[in-house]
Each structure stands twice: as C-alpha cells, then as structure tokens.
Amino acid sequence: MVLIVEGHKAQEEDLPADALRTLALLQAELPLKKAAALAAEIHGVKKNALYKYALEQQGNSAEALR
C-alpha cells in the first residue's frame, strides 16, 4: 500500500541552473507559459516544473513587497 501525502514540488536544485537562467531571460520578453515551454524544450526538462518554479518565485517576490 502506498500513501502519498503531498506531491513532489519543483525546487531550484531539481532544475539545471542553465534552464533557470534561460527561463529568466525569456520571461523578460514573453508570457510565462511560452517562456517555460521554450526553456523546457531547449534544456530537456519538464515544462510544468519550470512553470511551477516561476510561479513560486513570483509569489515569493509579491510577498516580499508587502
């Protein structure tokens, strides 16, 4: 029997640094969905992992401004 309490969250250490850098550069010019898709294709990582990571970063930035 397997019980999953919470799914694995995308962490910065799970994603290659070059993929995160590419994502950041693309986000400056493109919507997040498109930036994540392109960075994922370039670096061979999962689009959802990059997308979730970027959303978490945006949430952290918004909280820091409060």
PDB file of N, CA and C in Angstrom:
ATOM      1  N   MET A   1       0.833  -1.169   0.000  1.00  0.00           N
ATOM      2  CA  MET A   1       0.000   0.000   0.000  1.00  0.00           C
ATOM      3  C   MET A   1       0.887   1.244   0.000  1.00  0.00           C
ATOM      4  N   VAL A   2       0.534   2.204  -0.848  1.00  0.00           N
ATOM      5  CA  VAL A   2       1.304   3.437  -0.961  1.00  0.00           C
ATOM      6  C   VAL A   2       0.394   4.601  -0.629  1.00  0.00           C
ATOM      7  N   LEU A   3       0.861   5.507   0.211  1.00  0.00           N
ATOM      8  CA  LEU A   3       0.107   6.688   0.589  1.00  0.00           C
ATOM      9  C   LEU A   3       0.944   7.909   0.252  1.00  0.00           C
ATOM     10  N   ILE A   4       0.421   8.750  -0.611  1.00  0.00           N
ATOM     11  CA  ILE A   4       1.120   9.983  -0.975  1.00  0.00           C
ATOM     12  C   ILE A   4       0.429  11.133  -0.264  1.00  0.00           C
ATOM     13  N   VAL A   5       1.164  11.803   0.589  1.00  0.00           N
ATOM     14  CA  VAL A   5       0.607  12.910   1.349  1.00  0.00           C
ATOM     15  C   VAL A   5       0.663  14.190   0.540  1.00  0.00           C
ATOM     16  N   GLU A   6       1.769  14.423  -0.129  1.00  0.00           N
ATOM     17  CA  GLU A   6       1.939  15.618  -0.940  1.00  0.00           C
ATOM     18  C   GLU A   6       2.873  15.279  -2.084  1.00  0.00           C
ATOM     19  N   GLY A   7       2.560  15.793  -3.255  1.00  0.00           N
ATOM     20  CA  GLY A   7       3.402  15.555  -4.420  1.00  0.00           C
ATOM     21  C   GLY A   7       4.727  16.278  -4.307  1.00  0.00           C
ATOM     22  N   HIS A   8       5.655  15.878  -5.122  1.00  0.00           N
ATOM     23  CA  HIS A   8       6.977  16.491  -5.161  1.00  0.00           C
ATOM     24  C   HIS A   8       6.878  17.881  -5.772  1.00  0.00           C
ATOM     25  N   LYS A   9       7.392  18.880  -5.074  1.00  0.00           N
ATOM     26  CA  LYS A   9       7.376  20.248  -5.586  1.00  0.00           C
ATOM     27  C   LYS A   9       8.690  20.530  -6.304  1.00  0.00           C
ATOM     28  N   ALA A  10       8.589  21.297  -7.379  1.00  0.00           N
ATOM     29  CA  ALA A  10       9.789  21.673  -8.127  1.00  0.00           C
ATOM     30  C   ALA A  10      10.644  22.594  -7.264  1.00  0.00           C
ATOM     31  N   GLN A  11      11.862  22.216  -7.043  1.00  0.00           N
ATOM     32  CA  GLN A  11      12.798  23.012  -6.273  1.00  0.00           C
ATOM     33  C   GLN A  11      13.902  23.495  -7.200  1.00  0.00           C
ATOM     34  N   GLU A  12      14.509  24.580  -6.829  1.00  0.00           N
ATOM     35  CA  GLU A  12      15.580  25.141  -7.644  1.00  0.00           C
ATOM     36  C   GLU A  12      16.686  24.125  -7.876  1.00  0.00           C
ATOM     37  N   GLU A  13      17.012  23.317  -6.846  1.00  0.00           N
ATOM     38  CA  GLU A  13      18.102  22.354  -7.005  1.00  0.00           C
ATOM     39  C   GLU A  13      17.726  21.196  -7.924  1.00  0.00           C
ATOM     40  N   ASP A  14      16.430  21.007  -8.198  1.00  0.00           N
ATOM     41  CA  ASP A  14      15.988  19.956  -9.109  1.00  0.00           C
ATOM     42  C   ASP A  14      16.132  20.370 -10.574  1.00  0.00           C
ATOM     43  N   LEU A  15      16.235  21.657 -10.814  1.00  0.00           N
ATOM     44  CA  LEU A  15      16.288  22.182 -12.177  1.00  0.00           C
ATOM     45  C   LEU A  15      17.694  22.687 -12.478  1.00  0.00           C
ATOM     46  N   PRO A  16      18.195  22.408 -13.675  1.00  0.00           N
ATOM     47  CA  PRO A  16      19.541  22.877 -14.035  1.00  0.00           C
ATOM     48  C   PRO A  16      19.622  24.406 -14.010  1.00  0.00           C
ATOM     49  N   ALA A  17      20.737  24.917 -13.544  1.00  0.00           N
ATOM     50  CA  ALA A  17      20.928  26.365 -13.459  1.00  0.00           C
ATOM     51  C   ALA A  17      20.784  27.034 -14.820  1.00  0.00           C
ATOM     52  N   ASP A  18      21.268  26.371 -15.877  1.00  0.00           N
ATOM     53  CA  ASP A  18      21.155  26.979 -17.203  1.00  0.00           C
ATOM     54  C   ASP A  18      19.700  27.071 -17.654  1.00  0.00           C
ATOM     55  N   ALA A  19      18.865  26.131 -17.245  1.00  0.00           N
ATOM     56  CA  ALA A  19      17.437  26.186 -17.585  1.00  0.00           C
ATOM     57  C   ALA A  19      16.763  27.344 -16.856  1.00  0.00           C
ATOM     58  N   LEU A  20      17.145  27.568 -15.600  1.00  0.00           N
ATOM     59  CA  LEU A  20      16.575  28.682 -14.840  1.00  0.00           C
ATOM     60  C   LEU A  20      17.016  30.023 -15.412  1.00  0.00           C
ATOM     61  N   ARG A  21      18.254  30.091 -15.844  1.00  0.00           N
ATOM     62  CA  ARG A  21      18.760  31.336 -16.454  1.00  0.00           C
ATOM     63  C   ARG A  21      18.028  31.615 -17.762  1.00  0.00           C
ATOM     64  N   THR A  22      17.858  30.594 -18.593  1.00  0.00           N
ATOM     65  CA  THR A  22      17.130  30.750 -19.850  1.00  0.00           C
ATOM     66  C   THR A  22      15.700  31.184 -19.575  1.00  0.00           C
ATOM     67  N   LEU A  23      15.069  30.564 -18.593  1.00  0.00           N
ATOM     68  CA  LEU A  23      13.701  30.926 -18.236  1.00  0.00           C
ATOM     69  C   LEU A  23      13.616  32.395 -17.837  1.00  0.00           C
ATOM     70  N   ALA A  24      14.546  32.847 -17.020  1.00  0.00           N
ATOM     71  CA  ALA A  24      14.542  34.245 -16.583  1.00  0.00           C
ATOM     72  C   ALA A  24      14.691  35.201 -17.762  1.00  0.00           C
ATOM     73  N   LEU A  25      15.582  34.870 -18.683  1.00  0.00           N
ATOM     74  CA  LEU A  25      15.779  35.725 -19.858  1.00  0.00           C
ATOM     75  C   LEU A  25      14.536  35.757 -20.744  1.00  0.00           C
ATOM     76  N   LEU A  26      13.934  34.595 -20.953  1.00  0.00           N
ATOM     77  CA  LEU A  26      12.740  34.527 -21.793  1.00  0.00           C
ATOM     78  C   LEU A  26      11.547  35.211 -21.138  1.00  0.00           C
ATOM     79  N   GLN A  27      11.438  35.127 -19.816  1.00  0.00           N
ATOM     80  CA  GLN A  27      10.329  35.763 -19.108  1.00  0.00           C
ATOM     81  C   GLN A  27      10.331  37.275 -19.277  1.00  0.00           C
ATOM     82  N   ALA A  28      11.494  37.846 -19.500  1.00  0.00           N
ATOM     83  CA  ALA A  28      11.576  39.290 -19.687  1.00  0.00           C
ATOM     84  C   ALA A  28      10.908  39.729 -20.989  1.00  0.00           C
ATOM     85  N   GLU A  29      10.781  38.813 -21.934  1.00  0.00           N
ATOM     86  CA  GLU A  29      10.247  39.156 -23.251  1.00  0.00           C
ATOM     87  C   GLU A  29       8.947  38.443 -23.611  1.00  0.00           C
ATOM     88  N   LEU A  30       8.639  37.347 -22.921  1.00  0.00           N
ATOM     89  CA  LEU A  30       7.499  36.502 -23.296  1.00  0.00           C
ATOM     90  C   LEU A  30       6.602  36.237 -22.093  1.00  0.00           C
ATOM     91  N   PRO A  31       5.346  35.849 -22.359  1.00  0.00           N
ATOM     92  CA  PRO A  31       4.491  35.400 -21.254  1.00  0.00           C
ATOM     93  C   PRO A  31       5.094  34.156 -20.596  1.00  0.00           C
ATOM     94  N   LEU A  32       4.787  33.956 -19.335  1.00  0.00           N
ATOM     95  CA  LEU A  32       5.368  32.851 -18.568  1.00  0.00           C
ATOM     96  C   LEU A  32       5.147  31.497 -19.223  1.00  0.00           C
ATOM     97  N   LYS A  33       3.946  31.244 -19.705  1.00  0.00           N
ATOM     98  CA  LYS A  33       3.635  29.942 -20.314  1.00  0.00           C
ATOM     99  C   LYS A  33       4.560  29.657 -21.492  1.00  0.00           C
ATOM    100  N   LYS A  34       4.757  30.632 -22.354  1.00  0.00           N
ATOM    101  CA  LYS A  34       5.605  30.467 -23.536  1.00  0.00           C
ATOM    102  C   LYS A  34       7.081  30.364 -23.123  1.00  0.00           C
ATOM    103  N   ALA A  35       7.494  31.188 -22.169  1.00  0.00           N
ATOM    104  CA  ALA A  35       8.883  31.160 -21.701  1.00  0.00           C
ATOM    105  C   ALA A  35       9.226  29.800 -21.102  1.00  0.00           C
ATOM    106  N   ALA A  36       8.323  29.258 -20.297  1.00  0.00           N
ATOM    107  CA  ALA A  36       8.558  27.946 -19.683  1.00  0.00           C
ATOM    108  C   ALA A  36       8.620  26.852 -20.740  1.00  0.00           C
ATOM    109  N   ALA A  37       7.736  26.931 -21.727  1.00  0.00           N
ATOM    110  CA  ALA A  37       7.719  25.915 -22.787  1.00  0.00           C
ATOM    111  C   ALA A  37       9.017  25.933 -23.590  1.00  0.00           C
ATOM    112  N   LEU A  38       9.490  27.108 -23.950  1.00  0.00           N
ATOM    113  CA  LEU A  38      10.724  27.213 -24.736  1.00  0.00           C
ATOM    114  C   LEU A  38      11.947  26.780 -23.925  1.00  0.00           C
ATOM    115  N   ALA A  39      12.041  27.238 -22.684  1.00  0.00           N
ATOM    116  CA  ALA A  39      13.180  26.857 -21.840  1.00  0.00           C
ATOM    117  C   ALA A  39      13.196  25.345 -21.615  1.00  0.00           C
ATOM    118  N   ALA A  40      12.026  24.755 -21.430  1.00  0.00           N
ATOM    119  CA  ALA A  40      11.941  23.307 -21.237  1.00  0.00           C
ATOM    120  C   ALA A  40      12.403  22.563 -22.478  1.00  0.00           C
ATOM    121  N   GLU A  41      11.994  23.039 -23.635  1.00  0.00           N
ATOM    122  CA  GLU A  41      12.396  22.385 -24.889  1.00  0.00           C
ATOM    123  C   GLU A  41      13.898  22.517 -25.125  1.00  0.00           C
ATOM    124  N   ILE A  42      14.452  23.670 -24.840  1.00  0.00           N
ATOM    125  CA  ILE A  42      15.882  23.910 -25.043  1.00  0.00           C
ATOM    126  C   ILE A  42      16.728  23.003 -24.144  1.00  0.00           C
ATOM    127  N   HIS A  43      16.302  22.855 -22.883  1.00  0.00           N
ATOM    128  CA  HIS A  43      17.130  22.152 -21.897  1.00  0.00           C
ATOM    129  C   HIS A  43      16.663  20.737 -21.575  1.00  0.00           C
ATOM    130  N   GLY A  44      15.579  20.301 -22.198  1.00  0.00           N
ATOM    131  CA  GLY A  44      15.112  18.934 -21.986  1.00  0.00           C
ATOM    132  C   GLY A  44      14.586  18.659 -20.590  1.00  0.00           C
ATOM    133  N   VAL A  45      13.942  19.649 -19.999  1.00  0.00           N
ATOM    134  CA  VAL A  45      13.321  19.461 -18.685  1.00  0.00           C
ATOM    135  C   VAL A  45      11.808  19.588 -18.836  1.00  0.00           C
ATOM    136  N   LYS A  46      11.080  19.251 -17.787  1.00  0.00           N
ATOM    137  CA  LYS A  46       9.625  19.311 -17.849  1.00  0.00           C
ATOM    138  C   LYS A  46       9.138  20.756 -17.780  1.00  0.00           C
ATOM    139  N   LYS A  47       8.233  21.075 -18.701  1.00  0.00           N
ATOM    140  CA  LYS A  47       7.669  22.429 -18.754  1.00  0.00           C
ATOM    141  C   LYS A  47       6.966  22.770 -17.446  1.00  0.00           C
ATOM    142  N   ASN A  48       6.199  21.827 -16.918  1.00  0.00           N
ATOM    143  CA  ASN A  48       5.457  22.095 -15.684  1.00  0.00           C
ATOM    144  C   ASN A  48       6.379  22.418 -14.516  1.00  0.00           C
ATOM    145  N   ALA A  49       7.538  21.780 -14.463  1.00  0.00           N
ATOM    146  CA  ALA A  49       8.485  22.046 -13.377  1.00  0.00           C
ATOM    147  C   ALA A  49       8.989  23.484 -13.450  1.00  0.00           C
ATOM    148  N   LEU A  50       9.329  23.939 -14.650  1.00  0.00           N
ATOM    149  CA  LEU A  50       9.786  25.320 -14.813  1.00  0.00           C
ATOM    150  C   LEU A  50       8.658  26.308 -14.534  1.00  0.00           C
ATOM    151  N   TYR A  51       7.471  25.992 -15.010  1.00  0.00           N
ATOM    152  CA  TYR A  51       6.314  26.868 -14.824  1.00  0.00           C
ATOM    153  C   TYR A  51       5.993  27.021 -13.335  1.00  0.00           C
ATOM    154  N   LYS A  52       5.951  25.898 -12.622  1.00  0.00           N
ATOM    155  CA  LYS A  52       5.663  25.941 -11.188  1.00  0.00           C
ATOM    156  C   LYS A  52       6.753  26.696 -10.431  1.00  0.00           C
ATOM    157  N   TYR A  53       7.998  26.477 -10.811  1.00  0.00           N
ATOM    158  CA  TYR A  53       9.107  27.182 -10.172  1.00  0.00           C
ATOM    159  C   TYR A  53       8.942  28.692 -10.345  1.00  0.00           C
ATOM    160  N   ALA A  54       8.618  29.128 -11.569  1.00  0.00           N
ATOM    161  CA  ALA A  54       8.454  30.555 -11.843  1.00  0.00           C
ATOM    162  C   ALA A  54       7.281  31.133 -11.049  1.00  0.00           C
ATOM    163  N   LEU A  55       6.192  30.393 -10.948  1.00  0.00           N
ATOM    164  CA  LEU A  55       5.048  30.862 -10.160  1.00  0.00           C
ATOM    165  C   LEU A  55       5.416  31.012  -8.689  1.00  0.00           C
ATOM    166  N   GLU A  56       6.180  30.060  -8.172  1.00  0.00           N
ATOM    167  CA  GLU A  56       6.623  30.147  -6.781  1.00  0.00           C
ATOM    168  C   GLU A  56       7.509  31.371  -6.577  1.00  0.00           C
ATOM    169  N   GLN A  57       8.375  31.646  -7.533  1.00  0.00           N
ATOM    170  CA  GLN A  57       9.252  32.808  -7.432  1.00  0.00           C
ATOM    171  C   GLN A  57       8.454  34.105  -7.477  1.00  0.00           C
ATOM    172  N   GLN A  58       7.441  34.153  -8.336  1.00  0.00           N
ATOM    173  CA  GLN A  58       6.586  35.340  -8.415  1.00  0.00           C
ATOM    174  C   GLN A  58       5.837  35.541  -7.102  1.00  0.00           C
ATOM    175  N   GLY A  59       5.366  34.447  -6.518  1.00  0.00           N
ATOM    176  CA  GLY A  59       4.670  34.529  -5.234  1.00  0.00           C
ATOM    177  C   GLY A  59       5.580  35.021  -4.127  1.00  0.00           C
ATOM    178  N   ASN A  60       6.820  34.540  -4.133  1.00  0.00           N
ATOM    179  CA  ASN A  60       7.791  34.982  -3.131  1.00  0.00           C
ATOM    180  C   ASN A  60       8.126  36.453  -3.305  1.00  0.00           C
ATOM    181  N   SER A  61       8.217  36.919  -4.548  1.00  0.00           N
ATOM    182  CA  SER A  61       8.517  38.324  -4.818  1.00  0.00           C
ATOM    183  C   SER A  61       7.369  39.216  -4.360  1.00  0.00           C
ATOM    184  N   ALA A  62       6.137  38.784  -4.609  1.00  0.00           N
ATOM    185  CA  ALA A  62       4.968  39.563  -4.211  1.00  0.00           C
ATOM    186  C   ALA A  62       4.881  39.672  -2.690  1.00  0.00           C
ATOM    187  N   GLU A  63       5.200  38.591  -1.986  1.00  0.00           N
ATOM    188  CA  GLU A  63       5.162  38.609  -0.525  1.00  0.00           C
ATOM    189  C   GLU A  63       6.251  39.509   0.043  1.00  0.00           C
ATOM    190  N   ALA A  64       7.386  39.570  -0.609  1.00  0.00           N
ATOM    191  CA  ALA A  64       8.494  40.394  -0.131  1.00  0.00           C
ATOM    192  C   ALA A  64       8.171  41.881  -0.244  1.00  0.00           C
ATOM    193  N   LEU A  65       7.315  42.243  -1.189  1.00  0.00           N
ATOM    194  CA  LEU A  65       6.961  43.646  -1.388  1.00  0.00           C
ATOM    195  C   LEU A  65       5.950  44.143  -0.358  1.00  0.00           C
ATOM    196  N   ARG A  66       5.308  43.240   0.351  1.00  0.00           N
ATOM    197  CA  ARG A  66       4.285  43.650   1.335  1.00  0.00           C
ATOM    198  C   ARG A  66       4.897  44.166   2.595  1.00  0.00           C
TER     199      ARG A  66
END
